[in-house]
Amino acid sequence: MRMLQVLYLGDNKLQGSIPNEVCHLRNLGELDFSGNMLSGSIPACLGDITTLQKLYLNSNNFTSTIPPSLWSLIDILELNLATNSLRGHLPLDIGKLRAVYEIDLSGNELSGEIPSSIGGLQSLINFYIAQNQLQSPILNCLETWLAWKYWIYLVIAYLDQFRSLLRNYVISNK
């Protein structure tokens, strides 16, 4: 089994924790334990499987923090830890996931600020963080920008309308 590259065990009503023996599968490219009833901590040794490209641990009952070793998976493309009860902060090390195009951390109990290193993830297409207690100066700036954008739109619309009225006035008074 050491040559195993894909292990899908999703939606099997598995209970307990992920056995550490999974971490001995050094050629694993995809690991799916989603949709089970797994609990406890996510094994830190998963971060040692450097060949992992897709990791799905969503829809379980994990209650720990996200192991820092997962942020070392520089070749990971998809990371789904959604719908658990994971807590803690997102570290700056999340920016090490240079190849990742999808991260789903929604539906957890994560808190603190969204690290600025997220901006360096050039391949990131989808970043799901809904239903957490995360905050971000970026989001606050975005809200402010959107509010200003709305007001600027109103001013432009008003000026455009004023220009039309003025043009019609000039034409009718010739």
Protein backbone atom coordinates (compact mmCIF):
# COMPACT_ATOMS: atom_id res chain seq x y z
CA MET A 1 0.00 0.00 0.00
CA ARG A 2 2.99 2.31 0.20
CA MET A 3 2.52 3.13 -3.50
CA LEU A 4 -1.11 4.16 -3.02
CA GLN A 5 -1.79 7.54 -4.66
CA VAL A 6 -5.52 8.08 -4.05
CA LEU A 7 -7.54 7.19 -0.95
CA TYR A 8 -11.24 8.07 -0.95
CA LEU A 9 -13.06 7.15 2.25
CA GLY A 10 -15.68 9.90 2.12
CA ASP A 11 -19.27 9.41 3.25
CA ASN A 12 -18.67 6.11 5.04
CA LYS A 13 -19.89 7.00 8.56
CA LEU A 14 -16.38 6.46 9.89
CA GLN A 15 -15.96 7.35 13.56
CA GLY A 16 -13.01 8.02 15.81
CA SER A 17 -9.86 9.71 14.61
CA ILE A 18 -7.72 9.47 11.48
CA PRO A 19 -5.18 6.72 12.12
CA ASN A 20 -1.55 7.86 12.05
CA GLU A 21 -0.81 4.97 9.69
CA VAL A 22 -2.30 7.09 6.90
CA CYS A 23 0.76 9.30 7.23
CA HIS A 24 2.97 6.40 6.10
CA LEU A 25 1.40 6.59 2.63
CA ARG A 26 4.15 8.84 1.27
CA ASN A 27 2.96 8.71 -2.37
CA LEU A 28 -0.56 9.83 -1.59
CA GLY A 29 -1.74 12.59 -3.92
CA GLU A 30 -5.41 12.69 -2.86
CA LEU A 31 -6.91 11.96 0.53
CA ASP A 32 -10.66 12.18 1.15
CA PHE A 33 -12.18 11.58 4.58
CA SER A 34 -15.07 14.01 4.00
CA GLY A 35 -18.61 13.42 5.19
CA ASN A 36 -17.80 11.08 8.05
CA MET A 37 -18.08 11.40 11.82
CA LEU A 38 -14.38 11.71 12.55
CA SER A 39 -13.44 13.72 15.63
CA GLY A 40 -10.52 14.92 17.70
CA SER A 41 -7.47 16.45 16.11
CA ILE A 42 -6.32 16.47 12.52
CA PRO A 43 -3.05 14.50 12.60
CA ALA A 44 -0.07 16.81 12.24
CA CYS A 45 1.75 14.09 10.31
CA LEU A 46 -0.54 14.73 7.31
CA GLY A 47 1.71 17.71 6.66
CA ASP A 48 4.58 15.26 6.11
CA ILE A 49 2.90 13.75 3.03
CA THR A 50 4.58 16.18 0.67
CA THR A 51 2.94 14.57 -2.39
CA LEU A 52 -0.57 15.58 -1.25
CA GLN A 53 -2.36 17.71 -3.81
CA LYS A 54 -5.96 17.33 -2.64
CA LEU A 55 -7.01 17.00 0.99
CA TYR A 56 -10.68 16.75 1.93
CA LEU A 57 -11.45 16.57 5.65
CA ASN A 58 -14.67 18.57 5.45
CA SER A 59 -17.97 17.66 7.10
CA ASN A 60 -16.61 15.88 10.14
CA ASN A 61 -16.38 16.73 13.84
CA PHE A 62 -12.77 17.86 14.21
CA THR A 63 -12.46 20.20 17.18
CA SER A 64 -8.78 21.09 17.31
CA THR A 65 -6.72 23.79 15.71
CA ILE A 66 -5.41 23.35 12.19
CA PRO A 67 -1.99 21.69 12.50
CA PRO A 68 0.78 24.11 11.45
CA SER A 69 2.33 21.32 9.38
CA LEU A 70 -0.54 21.58 6.84
CA TRP A 71 0.76 25.00 5.81
CA SER A 72 3.95 23.26 4.62
CA LEU A 73 2.13 21.36 1.87
CA ILE A 74 3.51 23.62 -0.86
CA ASP A 75 2.19 21.43 -3.70
CA ILE A 76 -1.38 21.21 -2.42
CA LEU A 77 -4.00 22.33 -4.94
CA GLU A 78 -7.23 21.89 -2.95
CA LEU A 79 -7.60 22.05 0.83
CA ASN A 80 -11.08 21.51 2.26
CA LEU A 81 -11.49 21.64 6.04
CA ALA A 82 -15.01 23.09 5.97
CA THR A 83 -17.87 22.24 8.31
CA ASN A 84 -15.96 21.07 11.35
CA SER A 85 -15.40 22.86 14.65
CA LEU A 86 -11.83 23.93 14.02
CA ARG A 87 -10.68 26.89 16.07
CA GLY A 88 -7.70 29.17 16.32
CA HIS A 89 -6.11 31.73 14.03
CA LEU A 90 -4.90 31.53 10.45
CA PRO A 91 -1.12 31.92 10.47
CA LEU A 92 1.02 33.88 8.03
CA ASP A 93 2.32 30.48 6.88
CA ILE A 94 -0.90 29.99 4.89
CA GLY A 95 0.96 32.06 2.29
CA LYS A 96 3.34 29.13 1.70
CA LEU A 97 0.64 27.24 -0.24
CA ARG A 98 1.85 28.69 -3.56
CA ALA A 99 0.13 26.13 -5.82
CA VAL A 100 -3.26 26.08 -4.07
CA TYR A 101 -6.28 27.22 -6.07
CA GLU A 102 -9.03 26.37 -3.58
CA ILE A 103 -9.16 26.66 0.20
CA ASP A 104 -12.42 26.00 2.02
CA LEU A 105 -12.37 26.77 5.74
CA SER A 106 -16.03 27.76 6.02
CA GLY A 107 -18.28 26.60 8.82
CA ASN A 108 -15.68 26.43 11.58
CA GLU A 109 -14.85 28.52 14.65
CA LEU A 110 -11.76 30.26 13.30
CA SER A 111 -11.07 33.73 14.67
CA GLY A 112 -8.64 36.60 14.38
CA GLU A 113 -7.50 38.45 11.29
CA ILE A 114 -7.11 37.04 7.82
CA PRO A 115 -3.34 37.07 7.24
CA SER A 116 -2.01 39.42 4.60
CA SER A 117 0.03 36.55 3.14
CA ILE A 118 -3.20 35.37 1.45
CA GLY A 119 -2.55 38.12 -1.10
CA GLY A 120 0.59 36.29 -2.26
CA LEU A 121 -1.29 33.17 -3.32
CA GLN A 122 -1.21 33.81 -7.06
CA SER A 123 -3.03 30.58 -8.01
CA LEU A 124 -5.85 30.99 -5.49
CA ILE A 125 -9.25 31.10 -7.20
CA ASN A 126 -11.67 30.14 -4.42
CA PHE A 127 -11.20 31.10 -0.77
CA TYR A 128 -14.20 30.18 1.38
CA ILE A 129 -14.17 31.50 4.94
CA ALA A 130 -17.87 32.11 5.64
CA GLN A 131 -19.38 31.16 8.98
CA ASN A 132 -16.30 31.83 11.11
CA GLN A 133 -15.36 34.72 13.37
CA LEU A 134 -12.63 36.05 11.11
CA GLN A 135 -12.03 39.73 10.61
CA SER A 136 -9.86 41.63 8.23
CA PRO A 137 -8.76 45.19 7.57
CA ILE A 138 -9.04 44.20 3.89
CA LEU A 139 -12.73 43.41 4.30
CA ASN A 140 -13.26 46.64 6.23
CA CYS A 141 -11.53 48.59 3.43
CA LEU A 142 -13.63 46.75 0.86
CA GLU A 143 -16.83 47.73 2.67
CA THR A 144 -15.69 51.35 2.77
CA TRP A 145 -14.66 51.22 -0.88
CA LEU A 146 -18.01 49.76 -1.90
CA ALA A 147 -19.82 52.49 0.04
CA TRP A 148 -17.72 55.17 -1.69
CA LYS A 149 -18.21 53.45 -5.03
CA TYR A 150 -21.97 53.67 -4.51
CA TRP A 151 -21.77 57.38 -3.72
CA ILE A 152 -19.45 58.02 -6.64
CA TYR A 153 -21.90 56.20 -8.89
CA LEU A 154 -24.71 58.41 -7.63
CA VAL A 155 -22.65 61.56 -8.25
CA ILE A 156 -21.72 60.40 -11.77
CA ALA A 157 -25.35 59.53 -12.52
CA TYR A 158 -26.42 62.94 -11.23
CA LEU A 159 -23.73 64.72 -13.28
CA ASP A 160 -24.70 62.73 -16.37
CA GLN A 161 -28.32 63.69 -15.86
CA PHE A 162 -27.32 67.33 -15.29
CA ARG A 163 -25.22 67.28 -18.49
CA SER A 164 -28.22 65.96 -20.47
CA LEU A 165 -30.46 68.65 -19.01
CA LEU A 166 -27.89 71.32 -19.79
CA ARG A 167 -27.44 70.04 -23.35
CA ASN A 168 -31.21 70.01 -23.87
CA TYR A 169 -31.47 73.53 -22.44
CA VAL A 170 -28.73 74.83 -24.75
CA ILE A 171 -30.30 73.16 -27.80
CA SER A 172 -33.81 74.41 -27.03
CA ASN A 173 -32.61 78.00 -26.46
CA LYS A 174 -30.74 78.34 -29.75
